[in-house]
Amino acid sequence: MVVVPDFHKRILFIDEAHFWSNGNVNKQNCRIWSEANPQVHVETPLHPEKLTVWCALWAGGIIGPYFFKNDEVHNVAVNGDWYRAMITNFFIPELNNHDVQELRFQQDGATCHTARATIDLLKDTFGERLISRFGPVNWPPRSCDLTPLDYFLWGYVKSLAYADKPQTLDYLEDNIRRVIADIRPQMLEKVIENWTS
């Protein structure tokens, strides 16, 4: 077995997150324990507008954000076709602007990530450096909390992007872009160091 120094700094983590126009954050795993039923309910719109945002993060920087939109600039749900289009038209060209030849590419097991055509595209780009379900190196199933995007980036970005209560998706998108652009490499280095501890 070959030991790679600073292996944790050589992983390019990727993920998507939803940013809702009404500022809601997914709290499906939040639980409040009480001796009595508080009889509380929260009314929310059935289908509030949202942005689906993708980023790649490693110890040296962030690629993105990328907003999933169609040609008419409407937000879309991510499927295998949209994901591959983003990889081909945005991510791979962006990779060429960074010194990341030795990085491993890590993604979770979302269906759009693991479609055969997607895995083939990623294998062509990363070869044995692909960490993914159905890839050369398997990513642990149901392990979303293992990525720095889930335990750091999305919460950090949401806390600042929603701070001034944006009223439109365009304003929210501008906030997301600004917050991500302001993240310094020193912060990312600390996040990645914390990933190993």
Protein backbone atom coordinates (compact mmCIF):
# COMPACT_ATOMS: atom_id res chain seq x y z
CA MET A 1 0.00 0.00 0.00
CA VAL A 2 1.33 3.41 -0.99
CA VAL A 3 1.01 6.15 1.59
CA VAL A 4 0.28 9.55 0.05
CA PRO A 5 1.44 12.46 2.23
CA ASP A 6 -1.34 14.94 2.99
CA PHE A 7 -3.86 12.71 1.21
CA HIS A 8 -6.73 14.64 2.82
CA LYS A 9 -5.51 17.82 1.10
CA ARG A 10 -5.64 16.08 -2.28
CA ILE A 11 -9.36 15.33 -2.37
CA LEU A 12 -11.70 17.48 -4.42
CA PHE A 13 -15.05 17.17 -2.61
CA ILE A 14 -18.20 18.03 -4.57
CA ASP A 15 -21.84 18.46 -3.62
CA GLU A 16 -25.06 20.34 -4.32
CA ALA A 17 -27.35 22.21 -1.96
CA HIS A 18 -30.78 23.81 -2.26
CA PHE A 19 -31.26 27.45 -1.33
CA TRP A 20 -34.97 28.22 -0.89
CA SER A 21 -36.40 31.64 -1.72
CA ASN A 22 -38.20 31.75 1.63
CA GLY A 23 -35.01 31.06 3.59
CA ASN A 24 -36.10 27.62 4.80
CA VAL A 25 -33.33 25.22 5.72
CA ASN A 26 -33.91 21.45 5.57
CA LYS A 27 -34.45 20.40 9.18
CA GLN A 28 -35.62 16.84 8.57
CA ASN A 29 -32.97 15.54 10.96
CA CYS A 30 -33.74 18.14 13.66
CA ARG A 31 -35.59 16.75 16.64
CA ILE A 32 -36.87 18.48 19.78
CA TRP A 33 -37.27 16.27 22.83
CA SER A 34 -39.95 17.29 25.28
CA GLU A 35 -42.09 15.64 27.92
CA ALA A 36 -45.23 17.21 26.44
CA ASN A 37 -46.35 17.59 22.84
CA PRO A 38 -45.95 21.32 22.07
CA GLN A 39 -48.80 21.13 19.50
CA VAL A 40 -46.80 23.33 17.12
CA HIS A 41 -47.01 23.28 13.37
CA VAL A 42 -45.21 25.39 10.80
CA GLU A 43 -46.94 26.46 7.61
CA THR A 44 -44.73 26.54 4.53
CA PRO A 45 -45.53 26.96 0.85
CA LEU A 46 -45.91 23.66 -0.96
CA HIS A 47 -43.33 24.45 -3.65
CA PRO A 48 -41.25 27.55 -2.84
CA GLU A 49 -38.75 28.63 -5.47
CA LYS A 50 -35.22 27.42 -4.99
CA LEU A 51 -31.71 27.50 -6.40
CA THR A 52 -29.71 24.31 -6.72
CA VAL A 53 -26.05 25.17 -6.24
CA TRP A 54 -22.99 22.98 -6.91
CA CYS A 55 -19.44 23.51 -5.67
CA ALA A 56 -16.16 21.63 -5.54
CA LEU A 57 -13.93 22.24 -2.52
CA TRP A 58 -10.38 21.20 -1.62
CA ALA A 59 -7.71 22.52 0.71
CA GLY A 60 -6.55 24.96 -1.98
CA GLY A 61 -9.80 26.53 -3.09
CA ILE A 62 -13.35 26.30 -4.39
CA ILE A 63 -14.58 25.75 -7.92
CA GLY A 64 -18.02 27.25 -8.28
CA PRO A 65 -20.67 28.09 -7.47
CA TYR A 66 -22.57 26.61 -10.37
CA PHE A 67 -26.33 27.18 -10.55
CA PHE A 68 -28.37 24.53 -12.37
CA LYS A 69 -30.47 26.44 -14.94
CA ASN A 70 -31.85 25.74 -18.40
CA ASP A 71 -31.36 27.87 -21.54
CA GLU A 72 -34.24 30.13 -20.49
CA VAL A 73 -32.41 30.71 -17.17
CA HIS A 74 -35.03 28.80 -15.17
CA ASN A 75 -33.88 26.66 -12.26
CA VAL A 76 -33.96 22.92 -12.92
CA ALA A 77 -33.89 19.72 -10.88
CA VAL A 78 -30.57 17.94 -11.24
CA ASN A 79 -30.64 14.70 -13.19
CA GLY A 80 -27.88 12.76 -14.95
CA ASP A 81 -28.10 14.86 -18.13
CA TRP A 82 -27.88 18.19 -16.29
CA TYR A 83 -25.07 16.89 -14.07
CA ARG A 84 -23.00 15.65 -17.05
CA ALA A 85 -23.59 18.93 -18.88
CA MET A 86 -22.27 20.82 -15.84
CA ILE A 87 -19.22 18.51 -15.61
CA THR A 88 -18.48 18.91 -19.34
CA ASN A 89 -19.27 22.60 -19.86
CA PHE A 90 -18.31 24.12 -16.51
CA PHE A 91 -16.30 21.88 -14.23
CA ILE A 92 -13.71 20.38 -16.61
CA PRO A 93 -12.89 23.79 -18.17
CA GLU A 94 -12.56 25.24 -14.63
CA LEU A 95 -10.22 22.40 -13.65
CA ASN A 96 -7.88 23.52 -16.41
CA ASN A 97 -7.59 26.93 -14.67
CA HIS A 98 -6.30 25.32 -11.45
CA ASP A 99 -3.26 23.23 -10.57
CA VAL A 100 -5.22 20.14 -9.59
CA GLN A 101 -3.75 17.31 -11.67
CA GLU A 102 -3.11 15.09 -8.65
CA LEU A 103 -6.40 15.64 -6.84
CA ARG A 104 -8.87 12.83 -6.27
CA PHE A 105 -12.49 13.56 -7.21
CA GLN A 106 -15.01 12.58 -4.51
CA GLN A 107 -18.78 12.53 -4.93
CA ASP A 108 -21.62 10.95 -2.98
CA GLY A 109 -23.96 8.26 -4.26
CA ALA A 110 -26.74 10.50 -5.61
CA THR A 111 -28.38 8.88 -8.62
CA CYS A 112 -27.39 11.66 -11.04
CA HIS A 113 -23.77 11.24 -9.89
CA THR A 114 -23.65 7.50 -10.40
CA ALA A 115 -25.45 6.99 -13.71
CA ARG A 116 -23.30 4.82 -15.99
CA ALA A 117 -22.70 7.68 -18.47
CA THR A 118 -21.66 9.99 -15.62
CA ILE A 119 -19.23 7.47 -14.13
CA ASP A 120 -17.73 6.85 -17.59
CA LEU A 121 -17.23 10.60 -18.09
CA LEU A 122 -15.59 10.97 -14.68
CA LYS A 123 -13.38 7.90 -15.21
CA ASP A 124 -12.19 9.44 -18.49
CA THR A 125 -11.24 12.60 -16.59
CA PHE A 126 -9.95 11.23 -13.27
CA GLY A 127 -9.14 7.57 -13.94
CA GLU A 128 -8.20 5.79 -10.71
CA ARG A 129 -8.52 9.08 -8.79
CA LEU A 130 -12.34 8.85 -8.80
CA ILE A 131 -13.90 8.23 -5.37
CA SER A 132 -17.56 7.41 -5.96
CA ARG A 133 -20.16 4.71 -5.81
CA PHE A 134 -19.43 2.51 -8.86
CA GLY A 135 -16.02 4.17 -9.20
CA PRO A 136 -12.54 2.67 -8.78
CA VAL A 137 -12.54 3.77 -5.11
CA ASN A 138 -15.91 3.32 -3.40
CA TRP A 139 -17.33 6.13 -1.27
CA PRO A 140 -19.10 4.90 1.88
CA PRO A 141 -22.87 4.78 1.34
CA ARG A 142 -25.13 7.11 3.33
CA SER A 143 -22.16 9.16 4.50
CA CYS A 144 -23.11 12.69 3.49
CA ASP A 145 -21.71 14.11 6.71
CA LEU A 146 -18.23 13.02 5.66
CA THR A 147 -17.85 15.89 3.21
CA PRO A 148 -16.67 19.38 4.17
CA LEU A 149 -19.41 20.85 2.01
CA ASP A 150 -22.07 19.29 4.24
CA TYR A 151 -20.46 19.96 7.61
CA PHE A 152 -19.06 23.39 6.74
CA LEU A 153 -19.68 25.09 3.40
CA TRP A 154 -23.45 24.95 2.97
CA GLY A 155 -24.24 26.01 6.53
CA TYR A 156 -21.67 28.80 6.40
CA VAL A 157 -22.92 30.11 3.05
CA LYS A 158 -26.59 29.92 4.09
CA SER A 159 -25.94 31.78 7.35
CA LEU A 160 -24.47 34.72 5.41
CA ALA A 161 -26.49 34.54 2.17
CA TYR A 162 -29.80 34.72 4.06
CA ALA A 163 -28.59 37.35 6.58
CA ASP A 164 -30.14 40.30 4.74
CA LYS A 165 -33.33 38.35 3.89
CA PRO A 166 -33.06 38.39 0.07
CA GLN A 167 -36.43 38.94 -1.60
CA THR A 168 -35.61 37.50 -5.04
CA LEU A 169 -33.72 34.47 -6.33
CA ASP A 170 -31.40 36.79 -8.30
CA TYR A 171 -30.48 38.63 -5.11
CA LEU A 172 -30.00 35.33 -3.28
CA GLU A 173 -27.77 34.08 -6.11
CA ASP A 174 -25.65 37.26 -5.89
CA ASN A 175 -25.31 36.74 -2.12
CA ILE A 176 -24.22 33.12 -2.62
CA ARG A 177 -21.61 34.15 -5.20
CA ARG A 178 -20.27 36.89 -2.92
CA VAL A 179 -20.04 34.69 0.18
CA ILE A 180 -18.22 31.91 -1.68
CA ALA A 181 -15.84 34.37 -3.37
CA ASP A 182 -14.93 35.78 0.05
CA ILE A 183 -13.86 32.41 1.51
CA ARG A 184 -10.08 32.49 1.95
CA PRO A 185 -7.73 29.52 1.40
CA GLN A 186 -6.64 29.65 5.05
CA MET A 187 -10.21 28.90 6.12
CA LEU A 188 -10.41 25.95 3.71
CA GLU A 189 -7.11 24.55 5.01
CA LYS A 190 -8.53 24.57 8.55
CA VAL A 191 -11.77 22.95 7.38
CA ILE A 192 -9.83 20.13 5.68
CA GLU A 193 -7.58 19.68 8.73
CA ASN A 194 -10.72 19.34 10.88
CA TRP A 195 -12.01 16.70 8.45
CA THR A 196 -9.20 14.38 9.55
CA SER A 197 -9.64 14.89 13.29
